[in-house]
């Protein structure tokens, strides 16, 4: 029996629904898609937990997703096996009927997941589809990317400010070091000049004293 999703309109459509699937049995839907239509789907598969008494995901639960172009001899455009929750996307390159199938698998060992007719049996699959023009659906992603891009630019600006501050600090340290070396050099030159003056003064005094003592002896 064919199941048809009434999801298309002239504008972008986002619709969430859930249904129950017998274990290992594919659940298929047929959708007529115009050319260049982008389809983005988010899904969540859950199995009933007898202990928690609620539907929940677990690591052993997987979903195989396939999308076939019915009008093109069932040409497969999507063949994807994912975890219990995930995302799939495809673009209808040609107008026509497409078949979307979901096949669950579980290693929980619980027998009820094989038959949705049993109480709390089968797999509960929640499907959220967005169908519309590529530009319309991608506009949301672009806005998110622009926000991320702006944050990256802000971070880069902060990094540049930090780098400029580091360069300024290094320049100040280099200037202080040059000033210190210049001051030390002047101090050393001044000390050397003092030593020279002191040496000349001592030599002159010794010469003067020597002349004085010589004159005293002669007298």
C-alpha atoms as a PDB file:
ATOM      1  CA  UNK A   1       0.000   0.000   0.000  1.00  0.00           C
ATOM      2  CA  UNK A   2       1.388   3.358  -1.031  1.00  0.00           C
ATOM      3  CA  UNK A   3       1.701   6.106   1.536  1.00  0.00           C
ATOM      4  CA  UNK A   4       1.797   9.648   0.189  1.00  0.00           C
ATOM      5  CA  UNK A   5       3.209  12.555   2.177  1.00  0.00           C
ATOM      6  CA  UNK A   6       1.176  15.759   1.643  1.00  0.00           C
ATOM      7  CA  UNK A   7       4.205  17.925   2.307  1.00  0.00           C
ATOM      8  CA  UNK A   8       4.625  20.071  -0.781  1.00  0.00           C
ATOM      9  CA  UNK A   9       3.344  23.555  -1.379  1.00  0.00           C
ATOM     10  CA  UNK A  10       4.593  26.518  -3.371  1.00  0.00           C
ATOM     11  CA  UNK A  11       6.807  27.601  -0.490  1.00  0.00           C
ATOM     12  CA  UNK A  12       9.129  25.789   1.866  1.00  0.00           C
ATOM     13  CA  UNK A  13       7.406  23.270   4.134  1.00  0.00           C
ATOM     14  CA  UNK A  14       8.637  21.906   7.439  1.00  0.00           C
ATOM     15  CA  UNK A  15       6.455  19.187   8.934  1.00  0.00           C
ATOM     16  CA  UNK A  16       7.021  16.696  11.744  1.00  0.00           C
ATOM     17  CA  UNK A  17       5.168  13.407  12.127  1.00  0.00           C
ATOM     18  CA  UNK A  18       5.712  10.076  13.793  1.00  0.00           C
ATOM     19  CA  UNK A  19       4.639   6.536  12.959  1.00  0.00           C
ATOM     20  CA  UNK A  20       5.367   2.983  14.036  1.00  0.00           C
ATOM     21  CA  UNK A  21       7.326   0.476  11.938  1.00  0.00           C
ATOM     22  CA  UNK A  22       7.535  -3.279  12.196  1.00  0.00           C
ATOM     23  CA  UNK A  23      11.084  -4.383  12.892  1.00  0.00           C
ATOM     24  CA  UNK A  24      13.232  -5.001   9.752  1.00  0.00           C
ATOM     25  CA  UNK A  25      10.277  -3.996   7.533  1.00  0.00           C
ATOM     26  CA  UNK A  26      10.717  -0.817   5.454  1.00  0.00           C
ATOM     27  CA  UNK A  27       8.175   1.954   5.721  1.00  0.00           C
ATOM     28  CA  UNK A  28       7.930   3.843   2.428  1.00  0.00           C
ATOM     29  CA  UNK A  29       6.349   7.113   1.337  1.00  0.00           C
ATOM     30  CA  UNK A  30       5.873   8.537  -2.140  1.00  0.00           C
ATOM     31  CA  UNK A  31       6.321  12.188  -2.917  1.00  0.00           C
ATOM     32  CA  UNK A  32       6.016  14.113  -6.172  1.00  0.00           C
ATOM     33  CA  UNK A  33       8.864  16.618  -6.259  1.00  0.00           C
ATOM     34  CA  UNK A  34       9.530  19.449  -8.717  1.00  0.00           C
ATOM     35  CA  UNK A  35      12.940  19.813 -10.303  1.00  0.00           C
ATOM     36  CA  UNK A  36      15.746  21.299  -8.161  1.00  0.00           C
ATOM     37  CA  UNK A  37      13.798  20.803  -4.939  1.00  0.00           C
ATOM     38  CA  UNK A  38      15.897  20.327  -1.824  1.00  0.00           C
ATOM     39  CA  UNK A  39      14.646  17.887   0.820  1.00  0.00           C
ATOM     40  CA  UNK A  40      16.163  17.936   4.300  1.00  0.00           C
ATOM     41  CA  UNK A  41      15.019  15.367   6.840  1.00  0.00           C
ATOM     42  CA  UNK A  42      15.701  14.866  10.529  1.00  0.00           C
ATOM     43  CA  UNK A  43      14.640  11.578  12.087  1.00  0.00           C
ATOM     44  CA  UNK A  44      14.571   9.962  15.514  1.00  0.00           C
ATOM     45  CA  UNK A  45      13.956   6.233  16.062  1.00  0.00           C
ATOM     46  CA  UNK A  46      12.828   5.016  19.484  1.00  0.00           C
ATOM     47  CA  UNK A  47      12.105   1.602  20.994  1.00  0.00           C
ATOM     48  CA  UNK A  48       9.876   1.001  23.981  1.00  0.00           C
ATOM     49  CA  UNK A  49      11.848   0.476  27.209  1.00  0.00           C
ATOM     50  CA  UNK A  50       9.916  -1.860  29.509  1.00  0.00           C
ATOM     51  CA  UNK A  51      11.981  -0.809  32.537  1.00  0.00           C
ATOM     52  CA  UNK A  52      11.570   2.928  32.001  1.00  0.00           C
ATOM     53  CA  UNK A  53       8.079   2.456  30.521  1.00  0.00           C
ATOM     54  CA  UNK A  54       8.775   4.998  27.819  1.00  0.00           C
ATOM     55  CA  UNK A  55      10.021   5.265  24.246  1.00  0.00           C
ATOM     56  CA  UNK A  56      13.749   5.940  24.094  1.00  0.00           C
ATOM     57  CA  UNK A  57      16.804   5.740  21.860  1.00  0.00           C
ATOM     58  CA  UNK A  58      19.731   3.387  22.375  1.00  0.00           C
ATOM     59  CA  UNK A  59      23.042   2.700  20.624  1.00  0.00           C
ATOM     60  CA  UNK A  60      21.905  -0.625  19.192  1.00  0.00           C
ATOM     61  CA  UNK A  61      19.071   1.000  17.248  1.00  0.00           C
ATOM     62  CA  UNK A  62      19.840   1.936  13.617  1.00  0.00           C
ATOM     63  CA  UNK A  63      17.853   3.198  10.652  1.00  0.00           C
ATOM     64  CA  UNK A  64      18.560   2.556   6.975  1.00  0.00           C
ATOM     65  CA  UNK A  65      17.276   5.310   4.682  1.00  0.00           C
ATOM     66  CA  UNK A  66      16.836   5.015   0.923  1.00  0.00           C
ATOM     67  CA  UNK A  67      15.402   7.400  -1.635  1.00  0.00           C
ATOM     68  CA  UNK A  68      14.590   6.172  -5.167  1.00  0.00           C
ATOM     69  CA  UNK A  69      13.486   8.027  -8.261  1.00  0.00           C
ATOM     70  CA  UNK A  70      10.422   6.008  -9.259  1.00  0.00           C
ATOM     71  CA  UNK A  71      10.164   7.775 -12.628  1.00  0.00           C
ATOM     72  CA  UNK A  72      13.747   6.751 -13.488  1.00  0.00           C
ATOM     73  CA  UNK A  73      13.561   2.958 -12.997  1.00  0.00           C
ATOM     74  CA  UNK A  74      13.989   3.305  -9.223  1.00  0.00           C
ATOM     75  CA  UNK A  75      17.322   5.061  -9.527  1.00  0.00           C
ATOM     76  CA  UNK A  76      18.635   5.364  -5.964  1.00  0.00           C
ATOM     77  CA  UNK A  77      19.771   8.821  -4.904  1.00  0.00           C
ATOM     78  CA  UNK A  78      20.123   8.175  -1.151  1.00  0.00           C
ATOM     79  CA  UNK A  79      21.461   5.066   0.564  1.00  0.00           C
ATOM     80  CA  UNK A  80      22.321   5.855   4.147  1.00  0.00           C
ATOM     81  CA  UNK A  81      22.528   3.891   7.390  1.00  0.00           C
ATOM     82  CA  UNK A  82      22.563   6.004  10.504  1.00  0.00           C
ATOM     83  CA  UNK A  83      22.169   5.896  14.249  1.00  0.00           C
ATOM     84  CA  UNK A  84      18.865   6.176  16.071  1.00  0.00           C
ATOM     85  CA  UNK A  85      18.808   9.923  15.320  1.00  0.00           C
ATOM     86  CA  UNK A  86      20.269  11.744  12.371  1.00  0.00           C
ATOM     87  CA  UNK A  87      19.828  13.808   9.236  1.00  0.00           C
ATOM     88  CA  UNK A  88      19.574  13.148   5.516  1.00  0.00           C
ATOM     89  CA  UNK A  89      19.317  15.434   2.516  1.00  0.00           C
ATOM     90  CA  UNK A  90      18.953  15.202  -1.246  1.00  0.00           C
ATOM     91  CA  UNK A  91      17.996  17.320  -4.230  1.00  0.00           C
ATOM     92  CA  UNK A  92      15.468  16.287  -6.874  1.00  0.00           C
ATOM     93  CA  UNK A  93      17.480  16.876 -10.037  1.00  0.00           C
ATOM     94  CA  UNK A  94      14.440  15.977 -12.165  1.00  0.00           C
ATOM     95  CA  UNK A  95      10.747  16.405 -11.536  1.00  0.00           C
ATOM     96  CA  UNK A  96       8.867  13.222 -10.672  1.00  0.00           C
ATOM     97  CA  UNK A  97       7.794  10.766  -8.028  1.00  0.00           C
ATOM     98  CA  UNK A  98      10.291   9.801  -5.318  1.00  0.00           C
ATOM     99  CA  UNK A  99      10.053   6.923  -2.841  1.00  0.00           C
ATOM    100  CA  UNK A 100      11.428   7.475   0.684  1.00  0.00           C
ATOM    101  CA  UNK A 101      11.930   4.289   2.731  1.00  0.00           C
ATOM    102  CA  UNK A 102      12.983   3.803   6.359  1.00  0.00           C
ATOM    103  CA  UNK A 103      14.109   0.394   7.665  1.00  0.00           C
ATOM    104  CA  UNK A 104      14.953   0.018  11.374  1.00  0.00           C
ATOM    105  CA  UNK A 105      17.153  -2.578  13.055  1.00  0.00           C
ATOM    106  CA  UNK A 106      17.735  -3.230  16.741  1.00  0.00           C
ATOM    107  CA  UNK A 107      19.941  -5.512  18.826  1.00  0.00           C
ATOM    108  CA  UNK A 108      18.054  -4.956  22.077  1.00  0.00           C
ATOM    109  CA  UNK A 109      16.744  -8.537  22.082  1.00  0.00           C
ATOM    110  CA  UNK A 110      13.226  -7.356  22.831  1.00  0.00           C
ATOM    111  CA  UNK A 111      10.749  -9.314  20.727  1.00  0.00           C
ATOM    112  CA  UNK A 112       8.101  -6.597  20.709  1.00  0.00           C
ATOM    113  CA  UNK A 113      10.082  -4.348  18.391  1.00  0.00           C
ATOM    114  CA  UNK A 114       9.463  -6.747  15.495  1.00  0.00           C
ATOM    115  CA  UNK A 115       5.719  -6.143  15.382  1.00  0.00           C
ATOM    116  CA  UNK A 116       4.036  -2.775  15.771  1.00  0.00           C
ATOM    117  CA  UNK A 117       0.701  -4.541  16.358  1.00  0.00           C
ATOM    118  CA  UNK A 118       1.883  -5.719  19.791  1.00  0.00           C
ATOM    119  CA  UNK A 119       1.318  -3.396  22.768  1.00  0.00           C
ATOM    120  CA  UNK A 120       4.185  -0.888  22.695  1.00  0.00           C
ATOM    121  CA  UNK A 121       5.662  -2.890  19.836  1.00  0.00           C
ATOM    122  CA  UNK A 122       7.564  -1.854  16.755  1.00  0.00           C
ATOM    123  CA  UNK A 123       9.814   1.150  16.322  1.00  0.00           C
ATOM    124  CA  UNK A 124       8.536   4.691  16.774  1.00  0.00           C
ATOM    125  CA  UNK A 125      10.030   6.892  14.060  1.00  0.00           C
ATOM    126  CA  UNK A 126       9.675  10.664  14.285  1.00  0.00           C
ATOM    127  CA  UNK A 127      10.319  12.388  10.979  1.00  0.00           C
ATOM    128  CA  UNK A 128      10.796  16.119  10.429  1.00  0.00           C
ATOM    129  CA  UNK A 129      10.974  17.073   6.744  1.00  0.00           C
ATOM    130  CA  UNK A 130      11.706  20.407   5.115  1.00  0.00           C
ATOM    131  CA  UNK A 131      10.806  20.510   1.433  1.00  0.00           C
ATOM    132  CA  UNK A 132      11.171  23.534  -0.814  1.00  0.00           C
ATOM    133  CA  UNK A 133      13.432  25.558  -3.048  1.00  0.00           C
ATOM    134  CA  UNK A 134      17.119  25.107  -2.355  1.00  0.00           C
ATOM    135  CA  UNK A 135      17.686  28.814  -1.799  1.00  0.00           C
ATOM    136  CA  UNK A 136      14.763  29.042   0.646  1.00  0.00           C
ATOM    137  CA  UNK A 137      15.880  26.111   2.785  1.00  0.00           C
ATOM    138  CA  UNK A 138      19.532  27.082   2.646  1.00  0.00           C
ATOM    139  CA  UNK A 139      18.774  30.641   3.768  1.00  0.00           C
ATOM    140  CA  UNK A 140      18.435  29.461   7.373  1.00  0.00           C
ATOM    141  CA  UNK A 141      21.750  27.633   7.177  1.00  0.00           C
ATOM    142  CA  UNK A 142      23.327  30.709   5.606  1.00  0.00           C
ATOM    143  CA  UNK A 143      22.104  32.912   8.444  1.00  0.00           C
ATOM    144  CA  UNK A 144      23.611  30.476  10.935  1.00  0.00           C
ATOM    145  CA  UNK A 145      26.849  30.433   8.976  1.00  0.00           C
ATOM    146  CA  UNK A 146      26.876  34.227   8.888  1.00  0.00           C
ATOM    147  CA  UNK A 147      26.439  34.309  12.651  1.00  0.00           C
ATOM    148  CA  UNK A 148      29.303  31.852  13.085  1.00  0.00           C
ATOM    149  CA  UNK A 149      31.374  33.843  10.598  1.00  0.00           C
ATOM    150  CA  UNK A 150      30.749  37.033  12.566  1.00  0.00           C
ATOM    151  CA  UNK A 151      31.835  35.315  15.766  1.00  0.00           C
ATOM    152  CA  UNK A 152      34.989  34.095  14.049  1.00  0.00           C
ATOM    153  CA  UNK A 153      35.681  37.645  12.840  1.00  0.00           C
ATOM    154  CA  UNK A 154      35.228  38.958  16.384  1.00  0.00           C
ATOM    155  CA  UNK A 155      37.635  36.344  17.707  1.00  0.00           C
ATOM    156  CA  UNK A 156      40.150  37.200  14.989  1.00  0.00           C
ATOM    157  CA  UNK A 157      39.813  40.887  15.872  1.00  0.00           C
ATOM    158  CA  UNK A 158      40.493  40.095  19.512  1.00  0.00           C
ATOM    159  CA  UNK A 159      43.500  37.994  18.541  1.00  0.00           C
ATOM    160  CA  UNK A 160      44.839  40.893  16.450  1.00  0.00           C
ATOM    161  CA  UNK A 161      44.365  43.227  19.419  1.00  0.00           C
ATOM    162  CA  UNK A 162      46.261  40.811  21.659  1.00  0.00           C
ATOM    163  CA  UNK A 163      49.048  40.521  19.076  1.00  0.00           C
ATOM    164  CA  UNK A 164      49.290  44.316  18.794  1.00  0.00           C
ATOM    165  CA  UNK A 165      49.463  44.599  22.572  1.00  0.00           C
ATOM    166  CA  UNK A 166      52.207  41.970  22.679  1.00  0.00           C
ATOM    167  CA  UNK A 167      54.154  43.795  19.944  1.00  0.00           C
ATOM    168  CA  UNK A 168      53.733  47.082  21.843  1.00  0.00           C
ATOM    169  CA  UNK A 169      54.966  45.464  25.053  1.00  0.00           C
ATOM    170  CA  UNK A 170      57.975  43.990  23.246  1.00  0.00           C
ATOM    171  CA  UNK A 171      58.754  47.396  21.719  1.00  0.00           C
ATOM    172  CA  UNK A 172      58.544  49.022  25.148  1.00  0.00           C
ATOM    173  CA  UNK A 173      60.798  46.345  26.605  1.00  0.00           C
ATOM    174  CA  UNK A 174      63.299  46.864  23.757  1.00  0.00           C
ATOM    175  CA  UNK A 175      63.184  50.647  24.270  1.00  0.00           C
ATOM    176  CA  UNK A 176      63.708  50.256  28.023  1.00  0.00           C
ATOM    177  CA  UNK A 177      66.587  47.850  27.392  1.00  0.00           C
ATOM    178  CA  UNK A 178      68.208  50.307  24.968  1.00  0.00           C
ATOM    179  CA  UNK A 179      67.803  53.119  27.481  1.00  0.00           C
ATOM    180  CA  UNK A 180      69.300  50.965  30.221  1.00  0.00           C
ATOM    181  CA  UNK A 181      72.258  49.997  28.049  1.00  0.00           C
ATOM    182  CA  UNK A 182      72.773  53.651  27.022  1.00  0.00           C
ATOM    183  CA  UNK A 183      72.654  54.775  30.672  1.00  0.00           C
ATOM    184  CA  UNK A 184      75.072  52.039  31.734  1.00  0.00           C
ATOM    185  CA  UNK A 185      77.411  53.021  28.875  1.00  0.00           C
ATOM    186  CA  UNK A 186      77.386  56.694  29.940  1.00  0.00           C
ATOM    187  CA  UNK A 187      77.998  55.718  33.572  1.00  0.00           C
ATOM    188  CA  UNK A 188      80.976  53.584  32.541  1.00  0.00           C
ATOM    189  CA  UNK A 189      82.391  56.411  30.388  1.00  0.00           C
ATOM    190  CA  UNK A 190      81.932  58.876  33.226  1.00  0.00           C
ATOM    191  CA  UNK A 191      83.689  56.539  35.661  1.00  0.00           C
ATOM    192  CA  UNK A 192      86.548  56.067  33.196  1.00  0.00           C
ATOM    193  CA  UNK A 193      86.835  59.854  32.799  1.00  0.00           C
ATOM    194  CA  UNK A 194      86.901  60.262  36.583  1.00  0.00           C
ATOM    195  CA  UNK A 195      89.625  57.650  36.853  1.00  0.00           C
ATOM    196  CA  UNK A 196      91.679  59.437  34.185  1.00  0.00           C
ATOM    197  CA  UNK A 197      91.225  62.801  35.919  1.00  0.00           C
ATOM    198  CA  UNK A 198      92.082  61.220  39.272  1.00  0.00           C
ATOM    199  CA  UNK A 199      95.182  59.597  37.779  1.00  0.00           C
ATOM    200  CA  UNK A 200      96.354  62.871  36.202  1.00  0.00           C
ATOM    201  CA  UNK A 201      95.688  64.710  39.463  1.00  0.00           C
ATOM    202  CA  UNK A 202      97.672  62.149  41.445  1.00  0.00           C
ATOM    203  CA  UNK A 203     100.559  62.282  38.970  1.00  0.00           C
ATOM    204  CA  UNK A 204     100.584  66.089  39.113  1.00  0.00           C
ATOM    205  CA  UNK A 205     100.528  66.050  42.923  1.00  0.00           C
ATOM    206  CA  UNK A 206     103.369  63.508  43.063  1.00  0.00           C
ATOM    207  CA  UNK A 207     105.393  65.578  40.628  1.00  0.00           C
ATOM    208  CA  UNK A 208     104.704  68.712  42.628  1.00  0.00           C
ATOM    209  CA  UNK A 209     105.682  67.036  45.910  1.00  0.00           C
ATOM    210  CA  UNK A 210     108.844  65.685  44.369  1.00  0.00           C
ATOM    211  CA  UNK A 211     109.850  69.124  43.165  1.00  0.00           C
ATOM    212  CA  UNK A 212     109.045  70.542  46.574  1.00  0.00           C
ATOM    213  CA  UNK A 213     111.232  68.019  48.416  1.00  0.00           C
ATOM    214  CA  UNK A 214     114.090  68.555  45.989  1.00  0.00           C
ATOM    215  CA  UNK A 215     113.971  72.302  46.608  1.00  0.00           C
ATOM    216  CA  UNK A 216     113.932  71.706  50.360  1.00  0.00           C
ATOM    217  CA  UNK A 217     117.112  69.598  50.169  1.00  0.00           C
ATOM    218  CA  UNK A 218     118.892  72.158  48.087  1.00  0.00           C
ATOM    219  CA  UNK A 219     118.133  74.831  50.583  1.00  0.00           C
END
